[in-house]
Amino acid sequence: MTEVLSVKIDKDMVKIIEEVAREEGTEKSPAARKLLALGAKQWRMEKAIGLVVAGKASVWKASEIAGVSLREFLEVLNGRKIPWVKVSPEDLEEEIRRVKREAT
């Protein structure tokens, strides 16, 4: 299902849309839809990353928000050097003690 949406855009954006249309051999409307889709995808990714950084979403939920697989989302986080494993110092110390006990 499609819907007509009327928006005002500045001249610089019109130039970009025209450039994309020329390069892809298409009209301005498909070029604008393509750019809008790319921007929406990027916006969802940034929103999802922000939720993970703020501790408001798991990486699994954030990958769903971003509209990508968990693996792809983790690759983005790793590429940006954003830690996604949250372990408190206390939990880490307890795990070290547990492993030492099991090793003896």
C-alpha atoms as a PDB file:
ATOM      1  CA  MET A   1       0.000   0.000   0.000  1.00  0.00           C
ATOM      2  CA  THR A   2       1.296   3.431  -0.859  1.00  0.00           C
ATOM      3  CA  GLU A   3       0.309   6.856   0.333  1.00  0.00           C
ATOM      4  CA  VAL A   4       0.907  10.261  -1.167  1.00  0.00           C
ATOM      5  CA  LEU A   5       2.861  12.546   1.135  1.00  0.00           C
ATOM      6  CA  SER A   6       3.497  16.150   0.275  1.00  0.00           C
ATOM      7  CA  VAL A   7       6.639  17.713   1.779  1.00  0.00           C
ATOM      8  CA  LYS A   8       8.606  20.893   1.329  1.00  0.00           C
ATOM      9  CA  ILE A   9      12.341  20.389   0.853  1.00  0.00           C
ATOM     10  CA  ASP A  10      15.137  22.872   0.416  1.00  0.00           C
ATOM     11  CA  LYS A  11      16.962  23.482  -2.844  1.00  0.00           C
ATOM     12  CA  ASP A  12      20.068  21.551  -1.782  1.00  0.00           C
ATOM     13  CA  MET A  13      17.983  18.425  -1.214  1.00  0.00           C
ATOM     14  CA  VAL A  14      16.285  18.871  -4.584  1.00  0.00           C
ATOM     15  CA  LYS A  15      19.730  18.957  -6.204  1.00  0.00           C
ATOM     16  CA  ILE A  16      20.692  15.720  -4.461  1.00  0.00           C
ATOM     17  CA  ILE A  17      17.456  14.045  -5.583  1.00  0.00           C
ATOM     18  CA  GLU A  18      18.053  15.213  -9.148  1.00  0.00           C
ATOM     19  CA  GLU A  19      21.624  13.931  -9.028  1.00  0.00           C
ATOM     20  CA  VAL A  20      20.486  10.500  -7.833  1.00  0.00           C
ATOM     21  CA  ALA A  21      17.744  10.424 -10.483  1.00  0.00           C
ATOM     22  CA  ARG A  22      20.254  11.273 -13.226  1.00  0.00           C
ATOM     23  CA  GLU A  23      22.813   8.729 -12.064  1.00  0.00           C
ATOM     24  CA  GLU A  24      20.227   5.974 -11.744  1.00  0.00           C
ATOM     25  CA  GLY A  25      18.347   6.882 -14.917  1.00  0.00           C
ATOM     26  CA  THR A  26      15.054   7.379 -13.133  1.00  0.00           C
ATOM     27  CA  GLU A  27      12.553  10.082 -12.258  1.00  0.00           C
ATOM     28  CA  LYS A  28      12.810  12.273  -9.167  1.00  0.00           C
ATOM     29  CA  SER A  29      10.042  10.465  -7.249  1.00  0.00           C
ATOM     30  CA  PRO A  30      11.750   7.043  -7.189  1.00  0.00           C
ATOM     31  CA  ALA A  31      15.044   8.738  -6.342  1.00  0.00           C
ATOM     32  CA  ALA A  32      13.403  10.595  -3.443  1.00  0.00           C
ATOM     33  CA  ARG A  33      11.789   7.361  -2.191  1.00  0.00           C
ATOM     34  CA  LYS A  34      15.156   5.611  -2.294  1.00  0.00           C
ATOM     35  CA  LEU A  35      16.864   8.383  -0.336  1.00  0.00           C
ATOM     36  CA  LEU A  36      14.022   8.452   2.173  1.00  0.00           C
ATOM     37  CA  ALA A  37      14.284   4.686   2.673  1.00  0.00           C
ATOM     38  CA  LEU A  38      18.053   4.933   3.199  1.00  0.00           C
ATOM     39  CA  GLY A  39      17.579   7.752   5.691  1.00  0.00           C
ATOM     40  CA  ALA A  40      14.872   5.840   7.566  1.00  0.00           C
ATOM     41  CA  LYS A  41      17.107   2.774   7.802  1.00  0.00           C
ATOM     42  CA  GLN A  42      19.973   4.876   9.156  1.00  0.00           C
ATOM     43  CA  TRP A  43      17.645   6.618  11.624  1.00  0.00           C
ATOM     44  CA  ARG A  44      16.405   3.265  12.961  1.00  0.00           C
ATOM     45  CA  MET A  45      19.994   2.062  13.344  1.00  0.00           C
ATOM     46  CA  GLU A  46      21.032   5.182  15.262  1.00  0.00           C
ATOM     47  CA  LYS A  47      17.949   4.931  17.486  1.00  0.00           C
ATOM     48  CA  ALA A  48      18.717   1.285  18.258  1.00  0.00           C
ATOM     49  CA  ILE A  49      22.363   2.043  19.041  1.00  0.00           C
ATOM     50  CA  GLY A  50      21.308   4.853  21.356  1.00  0.00           C
ATOM     51  CA  LEU A  51      18.967   2.515  23.230  1.00  0.00           C
ATOM     52  CA  VAL A  52      21.759  -0.030  23.752  1.00  0.00           C
ATOM     53  CA  VAL A  53      24.220   2.629  24.910  1.00  0.00           C
ATOM     54  CA  ALA A  54      21.621   4.016  27.341  1.00  0.00           C
ATOM     55  CA  GLY A  55      20.923   0.513  28.650  1.00  0.00           C
ATOM     56  CA  LYS A  56      17.274   0.741  27.593  1.00  0.00           C
ATOM     57  CA  ALA A  57      17.285  -2.175  25.156  1.00  0.00           C
ATOM     58  CA  SER A  58      19.053  -5.484  24.753  1.00  0.00           C
ATOM     59  CA  VAL A  59      21.126  -6.001  21.628  1.00  0.00           C
ATOM     60  CA  TRP A  60      18.503  -8.491  20.457  1.00  0.00           C
ATOM     61  CA  LYS A  61      15.643  -5.977  20.792  1.00  0.00           C
ATOM     62  CA  ALA A  62      17.787  -3.213  19.310  1.00  0.00           C
ATOM     63  CA  SER A  63      18.568  -5.350  16.254  1.00  0.00           C
ATOM     64  CA  GLU A  64      14.815  -5.767  15.745  1.00  0.00           C
ATOM     65  CA  ILE A  65      14.303  -1.998  16.049  1.00  0.00           C
ATOM     66  CA  ALA A  66      17.102  -1.425  13.535  1.00  0.00           C
ATOM     67  CA  GLY A  67      15.548  -3.953  11.167  1.00  0.00           C
ATOM     68  CA  VAL A  68      18.716  -6.023  10.834  1.00  0.00           C
ATOM     69  CA  SER A  69      19.905  -9.409  12.009  1.00  0.00           C
ATOM     70  CA  LEU A  70      21.509  -9.728  15.420  1.00  0.00           C
ATOM     71  CA  ARG A  71      24.814 -10.567  13.768  1.00  0.00           C
ATOM     72  CA  GLU A  72      24.719  -7.467  11.571  1.00  0.00           C
ATOM     73  CA  PHE A  73      23.815  -5.281  14.550  1.00  0.00           C
ATOM     74  CA  LEU A  74      26.676  -6.677  16.620  1.00  0.00           C
ATOM     75  CA  GLU A  75      29.046  -6.021  13.711  1.00  0.00           C
ATOM     76  CA  VAL A  76      27.918  -2.379  13.653  1.00  0.00           C
ATOM     77  CA  LEU A  77      28.439  -2.057  17.419  1.00  0.00           C
ATOM     78  CA  ASN A  78      31.855  -3.699  17.199  1.00  0.00           C
ATOM     79  CA  GLY A  79      32.816  -1.519  14.237  1.00  0.00           C
ATOM     80  CA  ARG A  80      32.000   1.569  16.276  1.00  0.00           C
ATOM     81  CA  LYS A  81      33.751   0.112  19.315  1.00  0.00           C
ATOM     82  CA  ILE A  82      30.547   0.263  21.364  1.00  0.00           C
ATOM     83  CA  PRO A  83      30.582  -2.260  24.202  1.00  0.00           C
ATOM     84  CA  TRP A  84      27.480  -4.416  24.224  1.00  0.00           C
ATOM     85  CA  VAL A  85      28.341  -6.874  26.971  1.00  0.00           C
ATOM     86  CA  LYS A  86      27.511  -5.382  30.332  1.00  0.00           C
ATOM     87  CA  VAL A  87      29.189  -7.118  33.262  1.00  0.00           C
ATOM     88  CA  SER A  88      29.568  -5.438  36.634  1.00  0.00           C
ATOM     89  CA  PRO A  89      32.937  -5.671  38.396  1.00  0.00           C
ATOM     90  CA  GLU A  90      31.264  -7.674  41.155  1.00  0.00           C
ATOM     91  CA  ASP A  91      29.825 -10.188  38.689  1.00  0.00           C
ATOM     92  CA  LEU A  92      33.219 -10.514  37.028  1.00  0.00           C
ATOM     93  CA  GLU A  93      34.976 -11.149  40.335  1.00  0.00           C
ATOM     94  CA  GLU A  94      32.382 -13.754  41.291  1.00  0.00           C
ATOM     95  CA  GLU A  95      32.819 -15.518  37.951  1.00  0.00           C
ATOM     96  CA  ILE A  96      36.617 -15.566  38.402  1.00  0.00           C
ATOM     97  CA  ARG A  97      36.200 -17.098  41.868  1.00  0.00           C
ATOM     98  CA  ARG A  98      33.782 -19.699  40.477  1.00  0.00           C
ATOM     99  CA  VAL A  99      36.152 -20.690  37.687  1.00  0.00           C
ATOM    100  CA  LYS A 100      39.063 -20.972  40.126  1.00  0.00           C
ATOM    101  CA  ARG A 101      37.001 -23.207  42.426  1.00  0.00           C
ATOM    102  CA  GLU A 102      36.023 -25.469  39.535  1.00  0.00           C
ATOM    103  CA  ALA A 103      39.633 -25.665  38.334  1.00  0.00           C
ATOM    104  CA  THR A 104      40.862 -27.045  41.669  1.00  0.00           C
END
